[in-house]
Amino acid sequence: MIRRKGEEKELQTAQVSDLCRRRLLNYADSFFELAKSYDGEFEPEQDSRETVLLEHRLWENRRIISGHLSEVAKIMAEAASEVLAFLPMEGKKRRILVQALAEEGIRVENPCYLPREDGRRAIVLTMNTRKGEKVPAEDAADMISVLLDKRFVPSVSSPSLVETVPQSFILEEEAGFLVLTGFSKAVKESEPVSGDNYAVLEAEKGRVTVMLSDGTGSGERAARDSEKVLDLMEKMLEAGYGMDAAINMVNTALFVTGEDANHPTLDICDIDLYQGSLQLRKVGGAVTFLKRSQDVEQMAMGNLPLGIFGQVEVEPVCKKLQDGDYLIMVSDGVVDAFGGEEGENTMLSIIAGIQDRNPNEMAERLLRIALHASGGKIQDDMTIGVIGIWET
């Protein structure tokens, strides 16, 4: 539904239809009420220790369910009330943009501004080629950047090519920071696959999330477990869950199975490319390092792996990043190669002395050093992830 507000600015807003909005809000109310029905104080009804423990376990499970139902209701309510505000582009700029791209064989329709946080603006527009050619969306964004004297790049959800069929594109203001990642892995001897897995997610609004999960043990079972953790996390985040809520949802999925041998770890580096800031969350993972020139800082927390308790409370470590910083994430097989906990100090000294600038090369060099330190024996899966961040 399109509405106009404020004639002098011609502000247009788009939101879900009234029917869909009412249905979403009704669903949200139902989930909130259902969550309340699972809530309440613990009041044991029996005297025996065994029965009280069982009742307490059931009460804890009800609290977990209540929390997740509340989170789902919150997401539904936010989706129902979400409004996208569009500000039509100024007449002169619009004419210049449409004419200039037409000369390059690209037809542009309805260019509008989409306000973002911190006063930023994205551009929403429809583009297609006139002669059946295909033009990279990045090239079109470069042309628009020159015309508007501001650097824009295609959003991660926009098509990669401008083609004959008209398509909608979102061009975001270029972030102040750029992230590159590099990973290197070694599989435990006698195992066909690594039990470690990692994922790199790019969000719409200038966020990059890097996750590393180490499955319990090694081999195919560990690989499935860690892959499942990352897959669930990705789905939860894309669905609109907050980071901590997503972690607890995945934790619950593992906890309710009651499997003693299935407790993967989870490291999450969440980077805001506009602010140049980092939030690091660790659930049982090995130490993470922040390298700034020759200075190296260890970032480690003592949380247990996933699935041991019904809920996990993760206190994020927040850092303001600088141009040329590197984050080094490792699985525990790497730390063990250097001698366990004492090996962390050894790793700190080695990382401080590394001169490589390419994240891939840095990860490969660290893995070679770890293999040398272990005498060439791979007694556990090793994974090293390096995240480099630079000002654009």
Protein backbone atom coordinates (compact mmCIF):
# COMPACT_ATOMS: atom_id res chain seq x y z
CA MET A 1 0.00 0.00 0.00
CA ILE A 2 1.44 3.40 -1.01
CA ARG A 3 0.54 6.59 0.87
CA ARG A 4 1.73 10.20 0.65
CA LYS A 5 2.58 12.31 3.71
CA GLY A 6 3.79 15.90 3.70
CA GLU A 7 3.30 17.45 0.27
CA GLU A 8 6.40 19.61 0.50
CA LYS A 9 8.66 16.57 0.77
CA GLU A 10 6.42 14.13 -1.15
CA LEU A 11 7.35 11.41 1.35
CA GLN A 12 5.97 8.04 0.32
CA THR A 13 5.62 5.07 2.63
CA ALA A 14 5.09 1.42 1.85
CA GLN A 15 3.83 -1.09 4.37
CA VAL A 16 2.08 -4.43 4.49
CA SER A 17 -1.64 -4.39 3.71
CA ASP A 18 -4.09 -3.76 6.53
CA LEU A 19 -5.38 -7.33 6.27
CA CYS A 20 -1.91 -8.87 6.54
CA ARG A 21 -0.99 -6.45 9.33
CA ARG A 22 -4.04 -7.41 11.39
CA ARG A 23 -3.37 -11.12 10.87
CA LEU A 24 0.28 -10.73 11.92
CA LEU A 25 -0.72 -8.78 15.04
CA ASN A 26 -3.32 -11.42 15.92
CA TYR A 27 -0.69 -14.12 15.53
CA ALA A 28 1.68 -12.09 17.69
CA ASP A 29 -0.96 -11.70 20.44
CA SER A 30 -1.61 -15.45 20.34
CA PHE A 31 2.08 -16.25 20.73
CA PHE A 32 2.43 -13.73 23.56
CA GLU A 33 -0.51 -15.33 25.39
CA LEU A 34 0.87 -18.80 24.77
CA ALA A 35 4.22 -17.66 26.15
CA LYS A 36 2.52 -16.41 29.33
CA SER A 37 0.88 -19.80 29.81
CA TYR A 38 4.36 -21.38 30.01
CA ASP A 39 5.61 -18.75 32.43
CA GLY A 40 5.40 -18.74 36.22
CA GLU A 41 7.40 -19.36 39.37
CA PHE A 42 8.76 -22.78 40.28
CA GLU A 43 6.49 -24.42 42.87
CA PRO A 44 7.33 -28.09 43.51
CA GLU A 45 4.34 -30.31 44.22
CA GLN A 46 6.22 -33.31 45.61
CA ASP A 47 8.71 -33.78 48.46
CA SER A 48 11.07 -36.40 47.10
CA ARG A 49 14.37 -35.10 45.75
CA GLU A 50 14.11 -37.08 42.51
CA THR A 51 10.61 -35.74 41.78
CA VAL A 52 11.60 -32.17 42.61
CA LEU A 53 14.56 -32.36 40.23
CA LEU A 54 12.31 -33.69 37.48
CA GLU A 55 9.74 -30.95 38.10
CA HIS A 56 12.50 -28.33 38.04
CA ARG A 57 13.77 -29.65 34.70
CA LEU A 58 10.25 -29.44 33.25
CA TRP A 59 9.87 -25.90 34.64
CA GLU A 60 13.15 -24.88 33.00
CA ASN A 61 11.95 -26.30 29.68
CA ARG A 62 8.70 -24.33 29.99
CA ARG A 63 10.67 -21.12 30.60
CA ILE A 64 12.77 -21.78 27.49
CA ILE A 65 9.65 -22.36 25.39
CA SER A 66 8.10 -19.18 26.81
CA GLY A 67 11.15 -17.14 25.84
CA HIS A 68 11.20 -18.44 22.27
CA LEU A 69 7.46 -17.91 21.79
CA SER A 70 7.86 -14.32 23.00
CA GLU A 71 10.69 -13.76 20.52
CA VAL A 72 8.58 -15.08 17.63
CA ALA A 73 5.70 -12.81 18.70
CA LYS A 74 8.06 -9.83 18.82
CA ILE A 75 9.30 -10.50 15.27
CA MET A 76 5.71 -10.77 14.00
CA ALA A 77 4.72 -7.51 15.67
CA GLU A 78 7.76 -5.72 14.21
CA ALA A 79 7.00 -7.07 10.72
CA ALA A 80 3.39 -5.87 10.99
CA SER A 81 4.40 -2.33 11.93
CA GLU A 82 7.39 -2.02 9.60
CA VAL A 83 7.16 0.96 7.29
CA LEU A 84 9.57 1.81 4.49
CA ALA A 85 9.79 5.52 3.80
CA PHE A 86 10.74 6.60 0.28
CA LEU A 87 11.78 10.13 -0.63
CA PRO A 88 11.62 10.83 -4.39
CA MET A 89 14.88 12.07 -5.85
CA GLU A 90 15.19 15.77 -6.64
CA GLY A 91 13.92 16.60 -10.13
CA LYS A 92 17.23 17.86 -11.54
CA LYS A 93 19.27 14.94 -10.19
CA ARG A 94 16.65 12.50 -11.38
CA ARG A 95 16.71 13.90 -14.94
CA ILE A 96 20.51 13.86 -15.07
CA LEU A 97 20.66 10.30 -13.78
CA VAL A 98 17.97 8.97 -16.14
CA GLN A 99 19.49 10.69 -19.18
CA ALA A 100 23.10 9.72 -18.43
CA LEU A 101 22.30 6.03 -17.93
CA ALA A 102 20.04 6.03 -21.00
CA GLU A 103 23.08 7.05 -23.05
CA GLU A 104 24.79 3.92 -21.68
CA GLY A 105 21.86 1.73 -22.70
CA ILE A 106 20.31 1.46 -19.23
CA ARG A 107 16.71 2.50 -18.59
CA VAL A 108 16.02 3.85 -15.08
CA GLU A 109 12.60 4.25 -13.47
CA ASN A 110 11.42 5.72 -10.16
CA PRO A 111 14.72 6.54 -8.44
CA CYS A 112 13.98 7.27 -4.76
CA TYR A 113 15.93 7.69 -1.56
CA LEU A 114 15.51 5.18 1.25
CA PRO A 115 16.55 6.73 4.60
CA ARG A 116 18.90 4.64 6.73
CA GLU A 117 20.34 4.97 10.21
CA ASP A 118 22.76 7.77 11.11
CA GLY A 119 21.42 10.02 8.35
CA ARG A 120 22.54 7.72 5.55
CA ARG A 121 20.51 7.21 2.39
CA ALA A 122 20.14 4.27 0.06
CA ILE A 123 18.78 4.57 -3.47
CA VAL A 124 15.90 2.39 -4.67
CA LEU A 125 15.31 2.23 -8.43
CA THR A 126 14.25 -0.04 -11.27
CA MET A 127 16.73 -0.69 -14.09
CA ASN A 128 16.86 -2.68 -17.31
CA THR A 129 18.90 -2.65 -20.52
CA ARG A 130 17.33 -1.58 -23.79
CA LYS A 131 19.29 -3.72 -26.27
CA GLY A 132 19.29 -7.08 -24.54
CA GLU A 133 22.75 -6.54 -23.10
CA LYS A 134 23.82 -7.40 -19.58
CA VAL A 135 25.53 -4.77 -17.45
CA PRO A 136 27.08 -5.58 -14.04
CA ALA A 137 25.13 -3.86 -11.27
CA GLU A 138 28.44 -2.60 -9.88
CA ASP A 139 29.13 -0.74 -13.14
CA ALA A 140 25.71 0.92 -12.99
CA ALA A 141 26.35 1.84 -9.34
CA ASP A 142 29.71 3.37 -10.34
CA MET A 143 27.98 5.58 -12.94
CA ILE A 144 25.39 6.71 -10.40
CA SER A 145 28.11 7.39 -7.84
CA VAL A 146 29.87 9.77 -10.26
CA LEU A 147 26.61 11.55 -11.11
CA LEU A 148 25.56 12.02 -7.47
CA ASP A 149 29.08 12.64 -6.14
CA LYS A 150 28.68 9.97 -3.47
CA ARG A 151 29.93 6.40 -3.51
CA PHE A 152 27.14 3.79 -3.82
CA VAL A 153 27.37 0.00 -4.07
CA PRO A 154 24.67 -2.63 -4.80
CA SER A 155 23.13 -4.17 -1.70
CA VAL A 156 23.77 -7.86 -1.05
CA SER A 157 20.15 -8.68 -1.95
CA SER A 158 20.17 -6.83 -5.29
CA PRO A 159 20.61 -8.67 -8.61
CA SER A 160 24.20 -8.82 -9.82
CA LEU A 161 23.28 -7.91 -13.42
CA VAL A 162 21.10 -5.31 -15.10
CA GLU A 163 19.25 -7.24 -17.82
CA THR A 164 16.43 -6.76 -20.34
CA VAL A 165 13.74 -7.55 -17.77
CA PRO A 166 13.21 -4.62 -15.35
CA GLN A 167 14.42 -5.40 -11.82
CA SER A 168 14.50 -3.49 -8.55
CA PHE A 169 17.88 -2.52 -7.10
CA ILE A 170 18.97 -1.03 -3.79
CA LEU A 171 22.21 0.93 -3.83
CA GLU A 172 23.71 1.53 -0.39
CA GLU A 173 26.14 4.25 0.57
CA GLU A 174 29.58 2.69 0.65
CA ALA A 175 30.58 1.74 4.19
CA GLY A 176 33.57 3.31 5.86
CA PHE A 177 35.27 -0.06 6.28
CA LEU A 178 35.99 -3.07 4.10
CA VAL A 179 36.34 -6.65 5.36
CA LEU A 180 38.25 -9.52 3.75
CA THR A 181 38.40 -13.03 5.18
CA GLY A 182 40.73 -15.99 4.77
CA PHE A 183 40.49 -19.53 6.16
CA SER A 184 42.85 -22.49 6.32
CA LYS A 185 42.02 -25.99 7.60
CA ALA A 186 43.67 -29.29 8.44
CA VAL A 187 41.71 -32.50 9.04
CA LYS A 188 42.52 -34.84 11.90
CA GLU A 189 44.57 -37.84 10.85
CA SER A 190 42.50 -40.91 9.92
CA GLU A 191 39.31 -38.83 9.50
CA PRO A 192 37.72 -38.17 6.08
CA VAL A 193 36.34 -34.70 6.90
CA SER A 194 36.89 -31.90 9.39
CA GLY A 195 34.52 -31.48 12.33
CA ASP A 196 35.03 -27.71 12.13
CA ASN A 197 32.85 -25.50 9.96
CA TYR A 198 32.66 -21.76 9.33
CA ALA A 199 30.32 -19.28 7.61
CA VAL A 200 30.54 -15.67 6.46
CA LEU A 201 27.23 -13.77 6.26
CA GLU A 202 26.72 -10.35 4.67
CA ALA A 203 23.66 -8.44 5.88
CA GLU A 204 21.70 -5.76 4.04
CA LYS A 205 22.76 -2.81 6.19
CA GLY A 206 26.52 -3.02 6.20
CA ARG A 207 27.13 -5.89 8.61
CA VAL A 208 29.41 -8.89 8.17
CA THR A 209 29.06 -11.85 10.53
CA VAL A 210 31.74 -14.54 10.69
CA MET A 211 30.93 -17.76 12.56
CA LEU A 212 33.13 -20.71 13.49
CA SER A 213 31.80 -23.92 15.05
CA ASP A 214 33.84 -26.87 16.33
CA GLY A 215 31.82 -30.08 16.53
CA THR A 216 32.33 -32.43 19.46
CA GLY A 217 35.05 -34.94 18.61
CA SER A 218 35.97 -35.29 14.95
CA GLY A 219 34.86 -36.91 11.71
CA GLU A 220 31.54 -36.94 9.93
CA ARG A 221 29.35 -36.75 13.06
CA ALA A 222 31.20 -33.69 14.33
CA ALA A 223 31.01 -32.12 10.86
CA ARG A 224 27.23 -32.62 10.73
CA ASP A 225 26.78 -31.14 14.20
CA SER A 226 28.82 -27.99 13.53
CA GLU A 227 27.23 -27.54 10.10
CA LYS A 228 23.77 -27.81 11.66
CA VAL A 229 24.66 -25.12 14.21
CA LEU A 230 25.77 -22.69 11.50
CA ASP A 231 22.79 -23.49 9.29
CA LEU A 232 20.33 -22.86 12.14
CA MET A 233 22.10 -19.63 13.13
CA GLU A 234 21.92 -18.35 9.56
CA LYS A 235 18.21 -19.15 9.31
CA MET A 236 17.45 -17.52 12.68
CA LEU A 237 19.33 -14.33 11.83
CA GLU A 238 17.71 -14.07 8.40
CA ALA A 239 14.29 -14.53 10.03
CA GLY A 240 14.90 -11.46 12.20
CA TYR A 241 16.06 -12.98 15.48
CA GLY A 242 18.49 -10.93 17.52
CA MET A 243 21.94 -12.45 17.91
CA ASP A 244 21.48 -13.58 21.53
CA ALA A 245 17.98 -14.92 20.87
CA ALA A 246 19.29 -16.91 17.87
CA ILE A 247 22.09 -18.40 19.97
CA ASN A 248 19.59 -19.48 22.62
CA MET A 249 17.26 -20.98 20.03
CA VAL A 250 20.09 -23.11 18.63
CA ASN A 251 21.20 -23.99 22.15
CA THR A 252 17.68 -25.18 22.98
CA ALA A 253 17.55 -27.34 19.85
CA LEU A 254 20.65 -29.15 21.11
CA PHE A 255 19.67 -29.19 24.78
CA VAL A 256 16.30 -30.88 24.30
CA THR A 257 17.89 -33.82 22.48
CA GLY A 258 19.67 -34.76 25.70
CA GLU A 259 22.68 -36.11 23.81
CA ASP A 260 25.78 -35.97 26.03
CA ALA A 261 28.15 -36.24 23.06
CA ASN A 262 26.71 -33.34 21.03
CA HIS A 263 28.02 -30.02 22.36
CA PRO A 264 29.52 -27.94 19.53
CA THR A 265 31.20 -24.61 20.18
CA LEU A 266 30.26 -21.35 18.49
CA ASP A 267 32.34 -18.22 17.88
CA ILE A 268 30.63 -15.18 16.33
CA CYS A 269 32.36 -12.01 15.11
CA ASP A 270 29.70 -9.45 14.14
CA ILE A 271 31.20 -6.39 12.40
CA ASP A 272 29.44 -3.10 11.62
CA LEU A 273 31.14 -1.75 8.50
CA TYR A 274 29.69 1.74 8.91
CA GLN A 275 30.73 2.17 12.52
CA GLY A 276 33.90 0.09 12.33
CA SER A 277 32.89 -1.79 15.46
CA LEU A 278 32.97 -5.41 16.54
CA GLN A 279 30.87 -7.58 18.82
CA LEU A 280 32.47 -10.91 19.67
CA ARG A 281 30.42 -13.70 21.22
CA LYS A 282 31.91 -17.01 22.26
CA VAL A 283 30.06 -20.14 23.37
CA GLY A 284 32.77 -22.59 24.35
CA GLY A 285 35.13 -21.58 21.55
CA ALA A 286 38.91 -21.29 21.71
CA VAL A 287 40.73 -17.99 22.14
CA THR A 288 40.34 -15.21 19.55
CA PHE A 289 43.10 -12.68 18.86
CA LEU A 290 42.95 -9.04 17.79
CA LYS A 291 46.12 -7.98 15.97
CA ARG A 292 46.82 -4.26 15.67
CA SER A 293 50.26 -3.77 14.09
CA GLN A 294 52.68 -5.56 16.47
CA ASP A 295 50.24 -5.42 19.39
CA VAL A 296 48.09 -8.52 19.90
CA GLU A 297 45.23 -8.89 22.38
CA GLN A 298 43.66 -12.16 23.51
CA MET A 299 39.87 -12.25 23.68
CA ALA A 300 38.65 -15.34 25.50
CA MET A 301 35.60 -16.08 27.65
CA GLY A 302 34.90 -19.09 29.81
CA ASN A 303 31.48 -20.08 28.48
CA LEU A 304 30.62 -23.75 28.06
CA PRO A 305 29.67 -25.19 24.63
CA LEU A 306 26.12 -25.34 23.28
CA GLY A 307 23.47 -27.70 24.60
CA ILE A 308 24.80 -28.24 28.14
CA PHE A 309 22.31 -25.93 29.88
CA GLY A 310 18.81 -24.92 28.85
CA GLN A 311 19.83 -21.30 28.33
CA VAL A 312 23.12 -19.52 27.74
CA GLU A 313 24.02 -15.98 28.69
CA VAL A 314 26.71 -14.58 26.43
CA GLU A 315 28.21 -11.22 27.26
CA PRO A 316 29.60 -9.77 24.01
CA VAL A 317 33.05 -8.22 23.88
CA CYS A 318 32.76 -4.89 22.05
CA LYS A 319 35.68 -3.27 20.25
CA LYS A 320 36.17 -0.20 18.08
CA LEU A 321 38.21 -1.32 15.09
CA GLN A 322 40.92 0.57 13.25
CA ASP A 323 42.34 0.52 9.74
CA GLY A 324 44.58 -2.53 9.32
CA ASP A 325 43.20 -4.57 12.25
CA TYR A 326 43.08 -8.37 12.01
CA LEU A 327 40.89 -10.79 13.96
CA ILE A 328 42.18 -14.35 14.21
CA MET A 329 39.66 -17.07 15.07
CA VAL A 330 40.87 -20.62 15.75
CA SER A 331 39.46 -23.99 16.76
CA ASP A 332 40.89 -25.72 19.82
CA GLY A 333 42.97 -28.09 17.68
CA VAL A 334 45.19 -25.12 16.82
CA VAL A 335 45.68 -24.12 20.45
CA ASP A 336 46.43 -27.75 21.39
CA ALA A 337 49.12 -27.88 18.70
CA PHE A 338 50.98 -25.13 20.55
CA GLY A 339 50.60 -26.80 23.95
CA GLY A 340 47.09 -26.03 25.17
CA GLU A 341 46.54 -23.04 27.47
CA GLU A 342 50.24 -22.27 27.69
CA GLY A 343 50.29 -22.32 23.91
CA GLU A 344 48.04 -19.23 23.81
CA ASN A 345 50.98 -17.06 24.84
CA THR A 346 53.14 -18.73 22.18
CA MET A 347 50.47 -18.01 19.57
CA LEU A 348 50.28 -14.39 20.71
CA SER A 349 54.01 -13.90 20.07
CA ILE A 350 53.84 -15.64 16.68
CA ILE A 351 50.85 -13.57 15.54
CA ALA A 352 52.58 -10.36 16.63
CA GLY A 353 55.53 -11.15 14.37
CA ILE A 354 53.58 -12.08 11.23
CA GLN A 355 54.06 -9.55 8.43
CA ASP A 356 51.51 -10.91 5.92
CA ARG A 357 48.72 -8.52 4.96
CA ASN A 358 46.48 -10.85 2.96
CA PRO A 359 44.05 -12.74 5.27
CA ASN A 360 44.37 -15.96 3.23
CA GLU A 361 48.15 -15.87 3.36
CA MET A 362 48.12 -15.09 7.08
CA ALA A 363 45.76 -18.03 7.79
CA GLU A 364 47.91 -20.41 5.73
CA ARG A 365 51.12 -19.25 7.40
CA LEU A 366 49.64 -19.72 10.89
CA LEU A 367 48.46 -23.22 9.96
CA ARG A 368 51.93 -24.17 8.70
CA ILE A 369 53.46 -22.93 11.95
CA ALA A 370 50.89 -24.90 13.97
CA LEU A 371 51.63 -28.08 12.01
CA HIS A 372 55.35 -27.57 12.59
CA ALA A 373 54.72 -27.04 16.33
CA SER A 374 52.80 -30.33 16.51
CA GLY A 375 55.60 -32.23 14.78
CA GLY A 376 53.53 -32.69 11.64
CA LYS A 377 50.91 -34.73 13.51
CA ILE A 378 47.29 -33.62 13.24
CA GLN A 379 45.73 -34.96 16.42
CA ASP A 380 42.62 -32.79 16.13
CA ASP A 381 40.91 -30.75 13.45
CA MET A 382 42.53 -27.34 12.95
CA THR A 383 40.79 -24.30 11.50
CA ILE A 384 42.15 -20.77 11.36
CA GLY A 385 40.07 -17.82 10.20
CA VAL A 386 41.55 -14.37 9.63
CA ILE A 387 39.39 -11.27 9.24
CA GLY A 388 41.11 -8.15 7.93
CA ILE A 389 39.45 -4.75 8.15
CA TRP A 390 40.47 -1.57 6.31
CA GLU A 391 39.09 1.93 5.91
CA THR A 392 37.72 2.55 2.41
